[in-house]
Amino acid sequence: MSEFAIPHTKPIRFVKSIICTDEEKASVVVGFDNIPTLGMLIEAATQSSSGIVNDDTNGRIGFVVSLKNIKLITKPKDTTFQVDIKVDYKMQDLKYLSFSILKDTTLIAEGKFVIALQ
């Protein structure tokens, strides 16, 4: 069984493995077949949110309903990254999350999004 309860398959399944996780945050390895676009990085971040441990939401499908303050800081030059993601706020079936995408210690992208759980 996968560490990630998401329906995505290759070539749009970007999450690879969990580095660490708890109920409020996770660090996840993501990978791409080619140098990713900003849209692919955002999708990888949203997929990474399924790595956060939470018995109430694991296995439920989530839909991105809002993106905010998305910034590409450094143009990616590789295909494997770390996503650090955290829950900023939860309200019933909505999760407000923020993310940072890193290559080693270099910040590649960051932003916030909201997921509505089915």
PDB file of N, CA and C in Angstrom:
ATOM      1  N   MET A   1       0.837  -1.190   0.000  1.00  0.00           N
ATOM      2  CA  MET A   1       0.000   0.000   0.000  1.00  0.00           C
ATOM      3  C   MET A   1       0.881   1.251   0.000  1.00  0.00           C
ATOM      4  N   SER A   2       0.441   2.274  -0.707  1.00  0.00           N
ATOM      5  CA  SER A   2       1.189   3.514  -0.818  1.00  0.00           C
ATOM      6  C   SER A   2       1.097   4.337   0.452  1.00  0.00           C
ATOM      7  N   GLU A   3       2.122   5.167   0.684  1.00  0.00           N
ATOM      8  CA  GLU A   3       2.101   6.098   1.806  1.00  0.00           C
ATOM      9  C   GLU A   3       1.113   7.237   1.548  1.00  0.00           C
ATOM     10  N   PHE A   4       0.700   7.410   0.309  1.00  0.00           N
ATOM     11  CA  PHE A   4      -0.131   8.536  -0.093  1.00  0.00           C
ATOM     12  C   PHE A   4      -1.491   8.040  -0.592  1.00  0.00           C
ATOM     13  N   ALA A   5      -2.544   8.508   0.054  1.00  0.00           N
ATOM     14  CA  ALA A   5      -3.907   8.107  -0.315  1.00  0.00           C
ATOM     15  C   ALA A   5      -4.433   9.063  -1.379  1.00  0.00           C
ATOM     16  N   ILE A   6      -3.880   8.951  -2.593  1.00  0.00           N
ATOM     17  CA  ILE A   6      -4.325   9.789  -3.706  1.00  0.00           C
ATOM     18  C   ILE A   6      -4.581   8.897  -4.918  1.00  0.00           C
ATOM     19  N   PRO A   7      -5.482   9.313  -5.811  1.00  0.00           N
ATOM     20  CA  PRO A   7      -5.808   8.486  -6.976  1.00  0.00           C
ATOM     21  C   PRO A   7      -4.841   8.655  -8.149  1.00  0.00           C
ATOM     22  N   HIS A   8      -3.890   9.559  -8.060  1.00  0.00           N
ATOM     23  CA  HIS A   8      -3.000   9.878  -9.168  1.00  0.00           C
ATOM     24  C   HIS A   8      -2.094   8.700  -9.526  1.00  0.00           C
ATOM     25  N   THR A   9      -1.825   8.559 -10.824  1.00  0.00           N
ATOM     26  CA  THR A   9      -0.873   7.562 -11.321  1.00  0.00           C
ATOM     27  C   THR A   9       0.124   8.278 -12.235  1.00  0.00           C
ATOM     28  N   LYS A  10       1.210   7.582 -12.550  1.00  0.00           N
ATOM     29  CA  LYS A  10       2.182   8.151 -13.484  1.00  0.00           C
ATOM     30  C   LYS A  10       1.466   8.494 -14.782  1.00  0.00           C
ATOM     31  N   PRO A  11       1.746   9.557 -15.422  1.00  0.00           N
ATOM     32  CA  PRO A  11       2.872  10.457 -15.217  1.00  0.00           C
ATOM     33  C   PRO A  11       2.551  11.666 -14.326  1.00  0.00           C
ATOM     34  N   ILE A  12       1.359  11.717 -13.711  1.00  0.00           N
ATOM     35  CA  ILE A  12       1.049  12.886 -12.879  1.00  0.00           C
ATOM     36  C   ILE A  12       1.085  12.595 -11.381  1.00  0.00           C
ATOM     37  N   ARG A  13       1.614  11.466 -10.996  1.00  0.00           N
ATOM     38  CA  ARG A  13       1.847  11.186  -9.571  1.00  0.00           C
ATOM     39  C   ARG A  13       3.291  11.571  -9.276  1.00  0.00           C
ATOM     40  N   PHE A  14       3.465  12.673  -8.563  1.00  0.00           N
ATOM     41  CA  PHE A  14       4.795  13.219  -8.330  1.00  0.00           C
ATOM     42  C   PHE A  14       5.370  12.852  -6.969  1.00  0.00           C
ATOM     43  N   VAL A  15       4.531  12.506  -5.997  1.00  0.00           N
ATOM     44  CA  VAL A  15       5.033  12.152  -4.666  1.00  0.00           C
ATOM     45  C   VAL A  15       5.746  10.806  -4.720  1.00  0.00           C
ATOM     46  N   LYS A  16       6.867  10.721  -4.019  1.00  0.00           N
ATOM     47  CA  LYS A  16       7.675   9.501  -4.030  1.00  0.00           C
ATOM     48  C   LYS A  16       7.742   8.847  -2.652  1.00  0.00           C
ATOM     49  N   SER A  17       8.110   9.617  -1.632  1.00  0.00           N
ATOM     50  CA  SER A  17       8.247   9.041  -0.297  1.00  0.00           C
ATOM     51  C   SER A  17       8.152  10.131   0.764  1.00  0.00           C
ATOM     52  N   ILE A  18       7.828   9.693   1.978  1.00  0.00           N
ATOM     53  CA  ILE A  18       7.736  10.600   3.111  1.00  0.00           C
ATOM     54  C   ILE A  18       9.076  10.610   3.849  1.00  0.00           C
ATOM     55  N   ILE A  19       9.583  11.798   4.118  1.00  0.00           N
ATOM     56  CA  ILE A  19      10.791  11.942   4.926  1.00  0.00           C
ATOM     57  C   ILE A  19      10.400  11.925   6.397  1.00  0.00           C
ATOM     58  N   CYS A  20       9.424  12.763   6.760  1.00  0.00           N
ATOM     59  CA  CYS A  20       8.893  12.789   8.124  1.00  0.00           C
ATOM     60  C   CYS A  20       7.487  13.391   8.080  1.00  0.00           C
ATOM     61  N   THR A  21       6.698  13.040   9.084  1.00  0.00           N
ATOM     62  CA  THR A  21       5.318  13.514   9.098  1.00  0.00           C
ATOM     63  C   THR A  21       4.765  13.493  10.512  1.00  0.00           C
ATOM     64  N   ASP A  22       3.790  14.337  10.748  1.00  0.00           N
ATOM     65  CA  ASP A  22       2.987  14.288  11.962  1.00  0.00           C
ATOM     66  C   ASP A  22       1.607  14.834  11.613  1.00  0.00           C
ATOM     67  N   GLU A  23       0.836  15.246  12.604  1.00  0.00           N
ATOM     68  CA  GLU A  23      -0.537  15.677  12.366  1.00  0.00           C
ATOM     69  C   GLU A  23      -0.649  17.079  11.783  1.00  0.00           C
ATOM     70  N   GLU A  24       0.425  17.841  11.782  1.00  0.00           N
ATOM     71  CA  GLU A  24       0.368  19.225  11.310  1.00  0.00           C
ATOM     72  C   GLU A  24       1.309  19.538  10.158  1.00  0.00           C
ATOM     73  N   LYS A  25       2.276  18.652   9.883  1.00  0.00           N
ATOM     74  CA  LYS A  25       3.240  18.946   8.823  1.00  0.00           C
ATOM     75  C   LYS A  25       3.844  17.664   8.265  1.00  0.00           C
ATOM     76  N   ALA A  26       4.478  17.809   7.108  1.00  0.00           N
ATOM     77  CA  ALA A  26       5.165  16.677   6.487  1.00  0.00           C
ATOM     78  C   ALA A  26       6.285  17.201   5.600  1.00  0.00           C
ATOM     79  N   SER A  27       7.294  16.378   5.421  1.00  0.00           N
ATOM     80  CA  SER A  27       8.346  16.604   4.434  1.00  0.00           C
ATOM     81  C   SER A  27       8.305  15.405   3.509  1.00  0.00           C
ATOM     82  N   VAL A  28       8.245  15.685   2.211  1.00  0.00           N
ATOM     83  CA  VAL A  28       8.001  14.654   1.211  1.00  0.00           C
ATOM     84  C   VAL A  28       8.982  14.802   0.052  1.00  0.00           C
ATOM     85  N   VAL A  29       9.456  13.686  -0.483  1.00  0.00           N
ATOM     86  CA  VAL A  29      10.273  13.685  -1.693  1.00  0.00           C
ATOM     87  C   VAL A  29       9.333  13.603  -2.888  1.00  0.00           C
ATOM     88  N   VAL A  30       9.533  14.517  -3.850  1.00  0.00           N
ATOM     89  CA  VAL A  30       8.757  14.499  -5.091  1.00  0.00           C
ATOM     90  C   VAL A  30       9.725  14.392  -6.261  1.00  0.00           C
ATOM     91  N   GLY A  31       9.261  13.796  -7.351  1.00  0.00           N
ATOM     92  CA  GLY A  31      10.122  13.635  -8.514  1.00  0.00           C
ATOM     93  C   GLY A  31       9.337  13.730  -9.805  1.00  0.00           C
ATOM     94  N   PHE A  32      10.036  14.150 -10.847  1.00  0.00           N
ATOM     95  CA  PHE A  32       9.438  14.385 -12.157  1.00  0.00           C
ATOM     96  C   PHE A  32      10.275  13.694 -13.224  1.00  0.00           C
ATOM     97  N   ASP A  33       9.663  13.414 -14.373  1.00  0.00           N
ATOM     98  CA  ASP A  33      10.403  12.834 -15.492  1.00  0.00           C
ATOM     99  C   ASP A  33      11.270  13.880 -16.190  1.00  0.00           C
ATOM    100  N   ASN A  34      10.827  15.143 -16.140  1.00  0.00           N
ATOM    101  CA  ASN A  34      11.540  16.261 -16.770  1.00  0.00           C
ATOM    102  C   ASN A  34      11.622  17.415 -15.776  1.00  0.00           C
ATOM    103  N   ILE A  35      12.352  18.457 -16.135  1.00  0.00           N
ATOM    104  CA  ILE A  35      12.399  19.665 -15.301  1.00  0.00           C
ATOM    105  C   ILE A  35      10.960  20.174 -15.170  1.00  0.00           C
ATOM    106  N   PRO A  36      10.473  20.377 -13.933  1.00  0.00           N
ATOM    107  CA  PRO A  36       9.066  20.735 -13.761  1.00  0.00           C
ATOM    108  C   PRO A  36       8.756  22.211 -14.024  1.00  0.00           C
ATOM    109  N   THR A  37       7.519  22.444 -14.427  1.00  0.00           N
ATOM    110  CA  THR A  37       6.983  23.798 -14.524  1.00  0.00           C
ATOM    111  C   THR A  37       6.459  24.208 -13.147  1.00  0.00           C
ATOM    112  N   LEU A  38       6.103  25.468 -12.996  1.00  0.00           N
ATOM    113  CA  LEU A  38       5.518  25.922 -11.735  1.00  0.00           C
ATOM    114  C   LEU A  38       4.222  25.170 -11.450  1.00  0.00           C
ATOM    115  N   GLY A  39       3.410  24.929 -12.468  1.00  0.00           N
ATOM    116  CA  GLY A  39       2.168  24.172 -12.284  1.00  0.00           C
ATOM    117  C   GLY A  39       2.423  22.765 -11.761  1.00  0.00           C
ATOM    118  N   MET A  40       3.453  22.110 -12.261  1.00  0.00           N
ATOM    119  CA  MET A  40       3.798  20.768 -11.785  1.00  0.00           C
ATOM    120  C   MET A  40       4.270  20.815 -10.334  1.00  0.00           C
ATOM    121  N   LEU A  41       5.026  21.846  -9.971  1.00  0.00           N
ATOM    122  CA  LEU A  41       5.490  21.987  -8.586  1.00  0.00           C
ATOM    123  C   LEU A  41       4.301  22.196  -7.639  1.00  0.00           C
ATOM    124  N   ILE A  42       3.333  23.008  -8.065  1.00  0.00           N
ATOM    125  CA  ILE A  42       2.136  23.224  -7.245  1.00  0.00           C
ATOM    126  C   ILE A  42       1.375  21.913  -7.076  1.00  0.00           C
ATOM    127  N   GLU A  43       1.200  21.161  -8.156  1.00  0.00           N
ATOM    128  CA  GLU A  43       0.517  19.867  -8.070  1.00  0.00           C
ATOM    129  C   GLU A  43       1.264  18.923  -7.132  1.00  0.00           C
ATOM    130  N   ALA A  44       2.583  18.919  -7.181  1.00  0.00           N
ATOM    131  CA  ALA A  44       3.378  18.076  -6.275  1.00  0.00           C
ATOM    132  C   ALA A  44       3.153  18.483  -4.822  1.00  0.00           C
ATOM    133  N   ALA A  45       3.060  19.785  -4.573  1.00  0.00           N
ATOM    134  CA  ALA A  45       2.804  20.259  -3.209  1.00  0.00           C
ATOM    135  C   ALA A  45       1.429  19.810  -2.724  1.00  0.00           C
ATOM    136  N   THR A  46       0.421  19.922  -3.590  1.00  0.00           N
ATOM    137  CA  THR A  46      -0.921  19.511  -3.164  1.00  0.00           C
ATOM    138  C   THR A  46      -0.966  18.001  -2.920  1.00  0.00           C
ATOM    139  N   GLN A  47      -0.297  17.220  -3.762  1.00  0.00           N
ATOM    140  CA  GLN A  47      -0.234  15.778  -3.532  1.00  0.00           C
ATOM    141  C   GLN A  47       0.486  15.469  -2.222  1.00  0.00           C
ATOM    142  N   SER A  48       1.487  16.245  -1.889  1.00  0.00           N
ATOM    143  CA  SER A  48       2.259  16.034  -0.657  1.00  0.00           C
ATOM    144  C   SER A  48       1.415  16.208   0.586  1.00  0.00           C
ATOM    145  N   SER A  49       0.346  16.980   0.492  1.00  0.00           N
ATOM    146  CA  SER A  49      -0.507  17.194   1.663  1.00  0.00           C
ATOM    147  C   SER A  49      -1.137  15.892   2.143  1.00  0.00           C
ATOM    148  N   SER A  50      -1.248  14.903   1.268  1.00  0.00           N
ATOM    149  CA  SER A  50      -1.805  13.609   1.692  1.00  0.00           C
ATOM    150  C   SER A  50      -0.847  12.841   2.596  1.00  0.00           C
ATOM    151  N   GLY A  51       0.388  13.319   2.715  1.00  0.00           N
ATOM    152  CA  GLY A  51       1.352  12.680   3.599  1.00  0.00           C
ATOM    153  C   GLY A  51       1.224  13.099   5.059  1.00  0.00           C
ATOM    154  N   ILE A  52       0.407  14.123   5.336  1.00  0.00           N
ATOM    155  CA  ILE A  52       0.203  14.570   6.717  1.00  0.00           C
ATOM    156  C   ILE A  52      -0.688  13.558   7.429  1.00  0.00           C
ATOM    157  N   VAL A  53      -0.240  13.082   8.570  1.00  0.00           N
ATOM    158  CA  VAL A  53      -0.975  12.065   9.322  1.00  0.00           C
ATOM    159  C   VAL A  53      -2.219  12.694   9.943  1.00  0.00           C
ATOM    160  N   ASN A  54      -3.387  12.131   9.619  1.00  0.00           N
ATOM    161  CA  ASN A  54      -4.639  12.603  10.209  1.00  0.00           C
ATOM    162  C   ASN A  54      -5.699  11.544   9.950  1.00  0.00           C
ATOM    163  N   ASP A  55      -6.069  10.789  10.965  1.00  0.00           N
ATOM    164  CA  ASP A  55      -7.021   9.694  10.794  1.00  0.00           C
ATOM    165  C   ASP A  55      -8.383  10.158  10.286  1.00  0.00           C
ATOM    166  N   ASP A  56      -8.752  11.404  10.552  1.00  0.00           N
ATOM    167  CA  ASP A  56     -10.045  11.913  10.085  1.00  0.00           C
ATOM    168  C   ASP A  56     -10.069  12.167   8.587  1.00  0.00           C
ATOM    169  N   THR A  57      -8.917  12.413   7.971  1.00  0.00           N
ATOM    170  CA  THR A  57      -8.909  12.765   6.556  1.00  0.00           C
ATOM    171  C   THR A  57      -8.201  11.750   5.661  1.00  0.00           C
ATOM    172  N   ASN A  58      -7.377  10.871   6.198  1.00  0.00           N
ATOM    173  CA  ASN A  58      -6.681   9.906   5.351  1.00  0.00           C
ATOM    174  C   ASN A  58      -7.680   9.070   4.565  1.00  0.00           C
ATOM    175  N   GLY A  59      -7.396   8.916   3.286  1.00  0.00           N
ATOM    176  CA  GLY A  59      -8.263   8.124   2.424  1.00  0.00           C
ATOM    177  C   GLY A  59      -9.383   8.929   1.785  1.00  0.00           C
ATOM    178  N   ARG A  60      -9.570  10.179   2.195  1.00  0.00           N
ATOM    179  CA  ARG A  60     -10.587  11.030   1.588  1.00  0.00           C
ATOM    180  C   ARG A  60      -9.969  11.806   0.429  1.00  0.00           C
ATOM    181  N   ILE A  61     -10.736  11.972  -0.628  1.00  0.00           N
ATOM    182  CA  ILE A  61     -10.257  12.719  -1.778  1.00  0.00           C
ATOM    183  C   ILE A  61     -10.349  14.213  -1.482  1.00  0.00           C
ATOM    184  N   GLY A  62      -9.322  14.950  -1.841  1.00  0.00           N
ATOM    185  CA  GLY A  62      -9.306  16.396  -1.657  1.00  0.00           C
ATOM    186  C   GLY A  62      -9.244  17.108  -2.993  1.00  0.00           C
ATOM    187  N   PHE A  63      -9.862  18.277  -3.055  1.00  0.00           N
ATOM    188  CA  PHE A  63      -9.874  19.092  -4.264  1.00  0.00           C
ATOM    189  C   PHE A  63      -9.306  20.466  -3.938  1.00  0.00           C
ATOM    190  N   VAL A  64      -8.364  20.936  -4.744  1.00  0.00           N
ATOM    191  CA  VAL A  64      -7.797  22.265  -4.540  1.00  0.00           C
ATOM    192  C   VAL A  64      -8.854  23.293  -4.928  1.00  0.00           C
ATOM    193  N   VAL A  65      -9.144  24.203  -4.008  1.00  0.00           N
ATOM    194  CA  VAL A  65     -10.158  25.227  -4.289  1.00  0.00           C
ATOM    195  C   VAL A  65      -9.571  26.636  -4.339  1.00  0.00           C
ATOM    196  N   SER A  66      -8.335  26.799  -3.897  1.00  0.00           N
ATOM    197  CA  SER A  66      -7.752  28.133  -3.884  1.00  0.00           C
ATOM    198  C   SER A  66      -6.233  28.047  -3.833  1.00  0.00           C
ATOM    199  N   LEU A  67      -5.570  28.932  -4.562  1.00  0.00           N
ATOM    200  CA  LEU A  67      -4.121  29.104  -4.505  1.00  0.00           C
ATOM    201  C   LEU A  67      -3.857  30.546  -4.103  1.00  0.00           C
ATOM    202  N   LYS A  68      -2.811  30.768  -3.302  1.00  0.00           N
ATOM    203  CA  LYS A  68      -2.528  32.119  -2.838  1.00  0.00           C
ATOM    204  C   LYS A  68      -1.024  32.303  -2.662  1.00  0.00           C
ATOM    205  N   ASN A  69      -0.540  33.466  -3.042  1.00  0.00           N
ATOM    206  CA  ASN A  69       0.863  33.844  -2.858  1.00  0.00           C
ATOM    207  C   ASN A  69       1.840  32.809  -3.413  1.00  0.00           C
ATOM    208  N   ILE A  70       1.541  32.250  -4.568  1.00  0.00           N
ATOM    209  CA  ILE A  70       2.425  31.275  -5.204  1.00  0.00           C
ATOM    210  C   ILE A  70       3.609  32.027  -5.812  1.00  0.00           C
ATOM    211  N   LYS A  71       4.815  31.584  -5.478  1.00  0.00           N
ATOM    212  CA  LYS A  71       6.020  32.260  -5.970  1.00  0.00           C
ATOM    213  C   LYS A  71       7.033  31.233  -6.445  1.00  0.00           C
ATOM    214  N   LEU A  72       7.536  31.436  -7.654  1.00  0.00           N
ATOM    215  CA  LEU A  72       8.683  30.673  -8.128  1.00  0.00           C
ATOM    216  C   LEU A  72       9.910  31.501  -7.771  1.00  0.00           C
ATOM    217  N   ILE A  73      10.708  31.018  -6.843  1.00  0.00           N
ATOM    218  CA  ILE A  73      11.857  31.760  -6.328  1.00  0.00           C
ATOM    219  C   ILE A  73      13.098  31.522  -7.185  1.00  0.00           C
ATOM    220  N   THR A  74      13.340  30.256  -7.516  1.00  0.00           N
ATOM    221  CA  THR A  74      14.505  29.853  -8.297  1.00  0.00           C
ATOM    222  C   THR A  74      14.040  28.889  -9.387  1.00  0.00           C
ATOM    223  N   LYS A  75      14.452  29.129 -10.604  1.00  0.00           N
ATOM    224  CA  LYS A  75      14.072  28.236 -11.701  1.00  0.00           C
ATOM    225  C   LYS A  75      14.648  26.840 -11.444  1.00  0.00           C
ATOM    226  N   PRO A  76      13.782  25.799 -11.481  1.00  0.00           N
ATOM    227  CA  PRO A  76      14.291  24.443 -11.214  1.00  0.00           C
ATOM    228  C   PRO A  76      15.256  23.975 -12.301  1.00  0.00           C
ATOM    229  N   LYS A  77      16.289  23.246 -11.852  1.00  0.00           N
ATOM    230  CA  LYS A  77      17.288  22.699 -12.781  1.00  0.00           C
ATOM    231  C   LYS A  77      17.461  21.204 -12.577  1.00  0.00           C
ATOM    232  N   ASP A  78      16.579  20.623 -11.765  1.00  0.00           N
ATOM    233  CA  ASP A  78      16.683  19.203 -11.424  1.00  0.00           C
ATOM    234  C   ASP A  78      15.285  18.595 -11.490  1.00  0.00           C
ATOM    235  N   THR A  79      15.185  17.319 -11.172  1.00  0.00           N
ATOM    236  CA  THR A  79      13.882  16.642 -11.241  1.00  0.00           C
ATOM    237  C   THR A  79      13.420  16.073  -9.907  1.00  0.00           C
ATOM    238  N   THR A  80      14.211  16.183  -8.851  1.00  0.00           N
ATOM    239  CA  THR A  80      13.840  15.661  -7.535  1.00  0.00           C
ATOM    240  C   THR A  80      13.953  16.785  -6.509  1.00  0.00           C
ATOM    241  N   PHE A  81      12.909  16.911  -5.647  1.00  0.00           N
ATOM    242  CA  PHE A  81      12.851  18.005  -4.682  1.00  0.00           C
ATOM    243  C   PHE A  81      12.259  17.520  -3.369  1.00  0.00           C
ATOM    244  N   GLN A  82      12.377  18.368  -2.366  1.00  0.00           N
ATOM    245  CA  GLN A  82      11.719  18.133  -1.086  1.00  0.00           C
ATOM    246  C   GLN A  82      10.602  19.160  -0.935  1.00  0.00           C
ATOM    247  N   VAL A  83       9.420  18.691  -0.545  1.00  0.00           N
ATOM    248  CA  VAL A  83       8.307  19.586  -0.231  1.00  0.00           C
ATOM    249  C   VAL A  83       8.102  19.562   1.271  1.00  0.00           C
ATOM    250  N   ASP A  84       8.164  20.733   1.885  1.00  0.00           N
ATOM    251  CA  ASP A  84       7.802  20.897   3.295  1.00  0.00           C
ATOM    252  C   ASP A  84       6.424  21.542   3.308  1.00  0.00           C
ATOM    253  N   ILE A  85       5.484  20.881   3.952  1.00  0.00           N
ATOM    254  CA  ILE A  85       4.103  21.349   3.938  1.00  0.00           C
ATOM    255  C   ILE A  85       3.556  21.352   5.347  1.00  0.00           C
ATOM    256  N   LYS A  86       2.726  22.343   5.655  1.00  0.00           N
ATOM    257  CA  LYS A  86       2.138  22.388   6.992  1.00  0.00           C
ATOM    258  C   LYS A  86       0.706  22.887   6.924  1.00  0.00           C
ATOM    259  N   VAL A  87      -0.069  22.433   7.895  1.00  0.00           N
ATOM    260  CA  VAL A  87      -1.456  22.875   8.028  1.00  0.00           C
ATOM    261  C   VAL A  87      -1.437  24.201   8.780  1.00  0.00           C
ATOM    262  N   ASP A  88      -1.977  25.230   8.147  1.00  0.00           N
ATOM    263  CA  ASP A  88      -2.082  26.536   8.799  1.00  0.00           C
ATOM    264  C   ASP A  88      -3.385  26.639   9.588  1.00  0.00           C
ATOM    265  N   TYR A  89      -4.437  26.001   9.052  1.00  0.00           N
ATOM    266  CA  TYR A  89      -5.760  26.129   9.667  1.00  0.00           C
ATOM    267  C   TYR A  89      -6.662  25.029   9.117  1.00  0.00           C
ATOM    268  N   LYS A  90      -7.517  24.489   9.966  1.00  0.00           N
ATOM    269  CA  LYS A  90      -8.516  23.498   9.555  1.00  0.00           C
ATOM    270  C   LYS A  90      -9.889  23.988   9.987  1.00  0.00           C
ATOM    271  N   MET A  91     -10.870  23.803   9.106  1.00  0.00           N
ATOM    272  CA  MET A  91     -12.241  24.145   9.437  1.00  0.00           C
ATOM    273  C   MET A  91     -13.145  23.134   8.744  1.00  0.00           C
ATOM    274  N   GLN A  92     -13.723  22.244   9.506  1.00  0.00           N
ATOM    275  CA  GLN A  92     -14.562  21.158   8.996  1.00  0.00           C
ATOM    276  C   GLN A  92     -13.852  20.450   7.855  1.00  0.00           C
ATOM    277  N   ASP A  93     -14.360  20.517   6.637  1.00  0.00           N
ATOM    278  CA  ASP A  93     -13.769  19.793   5.519  1.00  0.00           C
ATOM    279  C   ASP A  93     -12.816  20.646   4.675  1.00  0.00           C
ATOM    280  N   LEU A  94     -12.357  21.758   5.223  1.00  0.00           N
ATOM    281  CA  LEU A  94     -11.382  22.602   4.534  1.00  0.00           C
ATOM    282  C   LEU A  94     -10.055  22.581   5.282  1.00  0.00           C
ATOM    283  N   LYS A  95      -8.968  22.493   4.515  1.00  0.00           N
ATOM    284  CA  LYS A  95      -7.625  22.571   5.078  1.00  0.00           C
ATOM    285  C   LYS A  95      -6.877  23.692   4.377  1.00  0.00           C
ATOM    286  N   TYR A  96      -6.330  24.595   5.162  1.00  0.00           N
ATOM    287  CA  TYR A  96      -5.506  25.684   4.656  1.00  0.00           C
ATOM    288  C   TYR A  96      -4.052  25.286   4.898  1.00  0.00           C
ATOM    289  N   LEU A  97      -3.258  25.208   3.838  1.00  0.00           N
ATOM    290  CA  LEU A  97      -1.891  24.715   3.947  1.00  0.00           C
ATOM    291  C   LEU A  97      -0.905  25.672   3.308  1.00  0.00           C
ATOM    292  N   SER A  98       0.323  25.631   3.787  1.00  0.00           N
ATOM    293  CA  SER A  98       1.402  26.378   3.146  1.00  0.00           C
ATOM    294  C   SER A  98       2.532  25.395   2.830  1.00  0.00           C
ATOM    295  N   PHE A  99       3.303  25.728   1.783  1.00  0.00           N
ATOM    296  CA  PHE A  99       4.356  24.812   1.348  1.00  0.00           C
ATOM    297  C   PHE A  99       5.611  25.571   0.931  1.00  0.00           C
ATOM    298  N   SER A 100       6.727  24.858   0.995  1.00  0.00           N
ATOM    299  CA  SER A 100       8.011  25.300   0.451  1.00  0.00           C
ATOM    300  C   SER A 100       8.584  24.117  -0.312  1.00  0.00           C
ATOM    301  N   ILE A 101       9.119  24.389  -1.477  1.00  0.00           N
ATOM    302  CA  ILE A 101       9.766  23.347  -2.273  1.00  0.00           C
ATOM    303  C   ILE A 101      11.250  23.685  -2.325  1.00  0.00           C
ATOM    304  N   LEU A 102      12.066  22.702  -1.959  1.00  0.00           N
ATOM    305  CA  LEU A 102      13.510  22.924  -1.833  1.00  0.00           C
ATOM    306  C   LEU A 102      14.302  21.914  -2.647  1.00  0.00           C
ATOM    307  N   LYS A 103      15.451  22.356  -3.099  1.00  0.00           N
ATOM    308  CA  LYS A 103      16.476  21.467  -3.641  1.00  0.00           C
ATOM    309  C   LYS A 103      17.688  21.688  -2.767  1.00  0.00           C
ATOM    310  N   ASP A 104      18.020  20.688  -1.961  1.00  0.00           N
ATOM    311  CA  ASP A 104      19.034  20.825  -0.926  1.00  0.00           C
ATOM    312  C   ASP A 104      18.604  21.991  -0.019  1.00  0.00           C
ATOM    313  N   THR A 105      19.361  23.071   0.033  1.00  0.00           N
ATOM    314  CA  THR A 105      18.961  24.202   0.883  1.00  0.00           C
ATOM    315  C   THR A 105      18.414  25.384   0.071  1.00  0.00           C
ATOM    316  N   THR A 106      18.286  25.212  -1.240  1.00  0.00           N
ATOM    317  CA  THR A 106      17.810  26.288  -2.113  1.00  0.00           C
ATOM    318  C   THR A 106      16.294  26.262  -2.209  1.00  0.00           C
ATOM    319  N   LEU A 107      15.665  27.398  -1.905  1.00  0.00           N
ATOM    320  CA  LEU A 107      14.216  27.511  -2.022  1.00  0.00           C
ATOM    321  C   LEU A 107      13.852  27.667  -3.495  1.00  0.00           C
ATOM    322  N   ILE A 108      13.002  26.773  -3.986  1.00  0.00           N
ATOM    323  CA  ILE A 108      12.578  26.781  -5.386  1.00  0.00           C
ATOM    324  C   ILE A 108      11.244  27.499  -5.542  1.00  0.00           C
ATOM    325  N   ALA A 109      10.265  27.148  -4.701  1.00  0.00           N
ATOM    326  CA  ALA A 109       8.926  27.745  -4.796  1.00  0.00           C
ATOM    327  C   ALA A 109       8.265  27.692  -3.433  1.00  0.00           C
ATOM    328  N   GLU A 110       7.252  28.543  -3.263  1.00  0.00           N
ATOM    329  CA  GLU A 110       6.487  28.542  -2.020  1.00  0.00           C
ATOM    330  C   GLU A 110       5.098  29.091  -2.299  1.00  0.00           C
ATOM    331  N   GLY A 111       4.194  28.856  -1.356  1.00  0.00           N
ATOM    332  CA  GLY A 111       2.851  29.387  -1.504  1.00  0.00           C
ATOM    333  C   GLY A 111       1.892  28.758  -0.524  1.00  0.00           C
ATOM    334  N   LYS A 112       0.605  29.029  -0.758  1.00  0.00           N
ATOM    335  CA  LYS A 112      -0.462  28.521   0.100  1.00  0.00           C
ATOM    336  C   LYS A 112      -1.588  28.007  -0.784  1.00  0.00           C
ATOM    337  N   PHE A 113      -2.358  27.053  -0.264  1.00  0.00           N
ATOM    338  CA  PHE A 113      -3.542  26.569  -0.973  1.00  0.00           C
ATOM    339  C   PHE A 113      -4.566  26.062   0.018  1.00  0.00           C
ATOM    340  N   VAL A 114      -5.782  25.909  -0.473  1.00  0.00           N
ATOM    341  CA  VAL A 114      -6.874  25.373   0.319  1.00  0.00           C
ATOM    342  C   VAL A 114      -7.373  24.122  -0.365  1.00  0.00           C
ATOM    343  N   ILE A 115      -7.593  23.071   0.428  1.00  0.00           N
ATOM    344  CA  ILE A 115      -8.143  21.815  -0.068  1.00  0.00           C
ATOM    345  C   ILE A 115      -9.495  21.584   0.592  1.00  0.00           C
ATOM    346  N   ALA A 116     -10.475  21.234  -0.217  1.00  0.00           N
ATOM    347  CA  ALA A 116     -11.785  20.817   0.290  1.00  0.00           C
ATOM    348  C   ALA A 116     -11.815  19.304   0.231  1.00  0.00           C
ATOM    349  N   LEU A 117     -12.134  18.672   1.356  1.00  0.00           N
ATOM    350  CA  LEU A 117     -12.182  17.210   1.421  1.00  0.00           C
ATOM    351  C   LEU A 117     -13.581  16.715   1.090  1.00  0.00           C
ATOM    352  N   GLN A 118     -13.618  15.659   0.310  1.00  0.00           N
ATOM    353  CA  GLN A 118     -14.892  15.066  -0.098  1.00  0.00           C
ATOM    354  C   GLN A 118     -15.543  14.354   1.046  1.00  0.00           C
TER     355      GLN A 118
END
